[in-house]
């Protein structure tokens, strides 16, 4: 079984103006985010094998 690397993804996920600690695990397309204001978020987003792409996707 191939191992996939965990990718760091710091950004402001909770809108408080400060970067939150985050990592992306591509083997399950899971994000693990330690938000500064409202605690931990674990979110599946994408499909197995995706790569994180930093950008502002909100209009």
N, C-alpha and C. Protein backbone atom coordinates (compact mmCIF):
# COMPACT_ATOMS: atom_id res chain seq x y z
N UNK A 1 0.84 -1.17 0.00
CA UNK A 1 0.00 0.00 0.00
C UNK A 1 0.89 1.24 0.00
N UNK A 2 0.62 2.17 -0.87
CA UNK A 2 1.40 3.40 -0.96
C UNK A 2 1.01 4.36 0.15
N UNK A 3 2.00 5.03 0.69
CA UNK A 3 1.76 6.06 1.69
C UNK A 3 1.65 7.40 0.98
N UNK A 4 0.71 8.23 1.40
CA UNK A 4 0.60 9.57 0.84
C UNK A 4 0.98 10.58 1.90
N UNK A 5 1.59 11.65 1.49
CA UNK A 5 2.08 12.66 2.43
C UNK A 5 0.94 13.54 2.94
N UNK A 6 1.10 13.97 4.18
CA UNK A 6 0.19 14.94 4.76
C UNK A 6 0.69 16.32 4.35
N UNK A 7 -0.22 17.15 3.84
CA UNK A 7 0.16 18.49 3.37
C UNK A 7 -0.33 19.55 4.34
N UNK A 8 0.55 20.49 4.74
CA UNK A 8 0.08 21.59 5.58
C UNK A 8 -0.81 22.52 4.78
N UNK A 9 -1.79 23.11 5.43
CA UNK A 9 -2.70 24.02 4.74
C UNK A 9 -3.15 25.16 5.62
N UNK A 10 -2.19 25.91 6.23
CA UNK A 10 -2.61 27.00 7.10
C UNK A 10 -3.33 28.10 6.32
N UNK A 11 -4.41 28.59 6.89
CA UNK A 11 -5.19 29.69 6.31
C UNK A 11 -6.18 30.16 7.37
N UNK A 12 -6.90 31.21 7.08
CA UNK A 12 -7.92 31.72 8.00
C UNK A 12 -9.25 31.03 7.69
N UNK A 13 -9.51 29.90 8.34
CA UNK A 13 -10.72 29.12 8.08
C UNK A 13 -11.94 29.59 8.87
N UNK A 14 -11.73 30.40 9.90
CA UNK A 14 -12.87 30.83 10.71
C UNK A 14 -13.14 32.33 10.65
N UNK A 15 -12.43 33.05 9.77
CA UNK A 15 -12.72 34.46 9.53
C UNK A 15 -12.29 35.42 10.61
N UNK A 16 -11.36 35.02 11.49
CA UNK A 16 -10.93 35.91 12.56
C UNK A 16 -9.69 36.73 12.22
N UNK A 17 -9.18 36.59 10.99
CA UNK A 17 -8.01 37.35 10.57
C UNK A 17 -6.68 36.72 10.93
N UNK A 18 -6.70 35.54 11.56
CA UNK A 18 -5.46 34.84 11.94
C UNK A 18 -5.44 33.47 11.27
N UNK A 19 -4.25 33.02 10.91
CA UNK A 19 -4.12 31.70 10.28
C UNK A 19 -4.44 30.60 11.29
N UNK A 20 -5.16 29.59 10.85
CA UNK A 20 -5.47 28.41 11.65
C UNK A 20 -4.56 27.27 11.21
N UNK A 21 -4.20 26.40 12.14
CA UNK A 21 -3.38 25.23 11.82
C UNK A 21 -4.25 24.22 11.10
N UNK A 22 -3.78 23.72 9.95
CA UNK A 22 -4.56 22.75 9.18
C UNK A 22 -3.63 21.81 8.41
N UNK A 23 -4.08 20.58 8.25
CA UNK A 23 -3.37 19.61 7.40
C UNK A 23 -4.39 18.91 6.52
N UNK A 24 -3.94 18.47 5.36
CA UNK A 24 -4.77 17.73 4.41
C UNK A 24 -4.15 16.37 4.21
N UNK A 25 -4.96 15.32 4.32
CA UNK A 25 -4.49 13.96 4.08
C UNK A 25 -5.16 13.44 2.82
N UNK A 26 -4.40 13.33 1.72
CA UNK A 26 -4.98 12.97 0.42
C UNK A 26 -5.48 11.54 0.32
N UNK A 27 -5.05 10.64 1.22
CA UNK A 27 -5.50 9.26 1.12
C UNK A 27 -6.99 9.11 1.38
N UNK A 28 -7.61 10.07 2.04
CA UNK A 28 -9.05 10.05 2.25
C UNK A 28 -9.69 11.39 1.96
N UNK A 29 -8.90 12.34 1.43
CA UNK A 29 -9.35 13.71 1.15
C UNK A 29 -9.92 14.37 2.40
N UNK A 30 -9.23 14.18 3.53
CA UNK A 30 -9.67 14.74 4.81
C UNK A 30 -8.85 15.95 5.21
N UNK A 31 -9.54 16.99 5.67
CA UNK A 31 -8.94 18.18 6.25
C UNK A 31 -9.08 18.10 7.76
N UNK A 32 -8.01 18.44 8.47
CA UNK A 32 -8.02 18.53 9.93
C UNK A 32 -7.60 19.97 10.25
N UNK A 33 -8.53 20.74 10.83
CA UNK A 33 -8.30 22.17 11.05
C UNK A 33 -8.49 22.48 12.53
N UNK A 34 -7.46 23.09 13.15
CA UNK A 34 -7.58 23.61 14.52
C UNK A 34 -7.88 25.09 14.40
N UNK A 35 -9.18 25.42 14.48
CA UNK A 35 -9.61 26.82 14.33
C UNK A 35 -9.35 27.59 15.63
N UNK A 36 -8.94 28.83 15.50
CA UNK A 36 -8.62 29.66 16.67
C UNK A 36 -9.83 29.96 17.53
N UNK A 37 -11.00 30.09 16.93
CA UNK A 37 -12.17 30.55 17.68
C UNK A 37 -13.18 29.47 18.03
N UNK A 38 -13.34 28.44 17.20
CA UNK A 38 -14.44 27.49 17.45
C UNK A 38 -14.02 26.03 17.44
N UNK A 39 -12.75 25.74 17.72
CA UNK A 39 -12.32 24.36 17.91
C UNK A 39 -11.95 23.62 16.63
N UNK A 40 -11.90 22.31 16.78
CA UNK A 40 -11.39 21.43 15.72
C UNK A 40 -12.47 21.10 14.69
N UNK A 41 -12.06 21.09 13.42
CA UNK A 41 -12.92 20.68 12.32
C UNK A 41 -12.24 19.54 11.59
N UNK A 42 -12.94 18.44 11.38
CA UNK A 42 -12.47 17.35 10.53
C UNK A 42 -13.49 17.24 9.41
N UNK A 43 -13.03 17.47 8.18
CA UNK A 43 -13.95 17.53 7.04
C UNK A 43 -13.41 16.78 5.85
N UNK A 44 -14.20 15.87 5.30
CA UNK A 44 -13.84 15.21 4.05
C UNK A 44 -14.27 16.15 2.94
N UNK A 45 -13.31 16.47 2.04
CA UNK A 45 -13.62 17.39 0.95
C UNK A 45 -12.78 16.98 -0.24
N UNK A 46 -13.40 16.51 -1.28
CA UNK A 46 -12.70 16.04 -2.47
C UNK A 46 -12.81 14.53 -2.58
N UNK A 47 -11.90 13.96 -3.36
CA UNK A 47 -11.88 12.51 -3.52
C UNK A 47 -10.47 11.99 -3.23
N UNK A 48 -10.37 10.70 -3.00
CA UNK A 48 -9.10 10.06 -2.69
C UNK A 48 -8.04 10.44 -3.72
N UNK A 49 -6.89 10.93 -3.26
CA UNK A 49 -5.80 11.28 -4.14
C UNK A 49 -5.75 12.74 -4.57
N UNK A 50 -6.74 13.55 -4.20
CA UNK A 50 -6.72 14.98 -4.54
C UNK A 50 -5.52 15.68 -3.91
N UNK A 51 -5.14 16.80 -4.47
CA UNK A 51 -4.09 17.66 -3.91
C UNK A 51 -4.72 18.98 -3.50
N UNK A 52 -4.35 19.51 -2.33
CA UNK A 52 -4.92 20.80 -1.92
C UNK A 52 -4.39 21.93 -2.79
N UNK A 53 -5.26 22.88 -3.11
CA UNK A 53 -4.90 24.04 -3.91
C UNK A 53 -5.29 25.30 -3.15
N UNK A 54 -4.30 26.05 -2.64
CA UNK A 54 -4.64 27.24 -1.87
C UNK A 54 -5.19 28.35 -2.76
N UNK A 55 -6.31 28.91 -2.35
CA UNK A 55 -6.94 30.04 -3.04
C UNK A 55 -8.14 30.49 -2.24
N UNK A 56 -8.66 31.65 -2.56
CA UNK A 56 -9.90 32.12 -1.96
C UNK A 56 -11.03 31.75 -2.92
N UNK A 57 -11.83 30.78 -2.54
CA UNK A 57 -12.89 30.29 -3.41
C UNK A 57 -14.23 30.94 -3.11
N UNK A 58 -14.24 31.98 -2.28
CA UNK A 58 -15.47 32.68 -1.93
C UNK A 58 -15.50 33.99 -2.70
N UNK A 59 -16.63 34.30 -3.37
CA UNK A 59 -16.70 35.54 -4.15
C UNK A 59 -16.62 36.78 -3.29
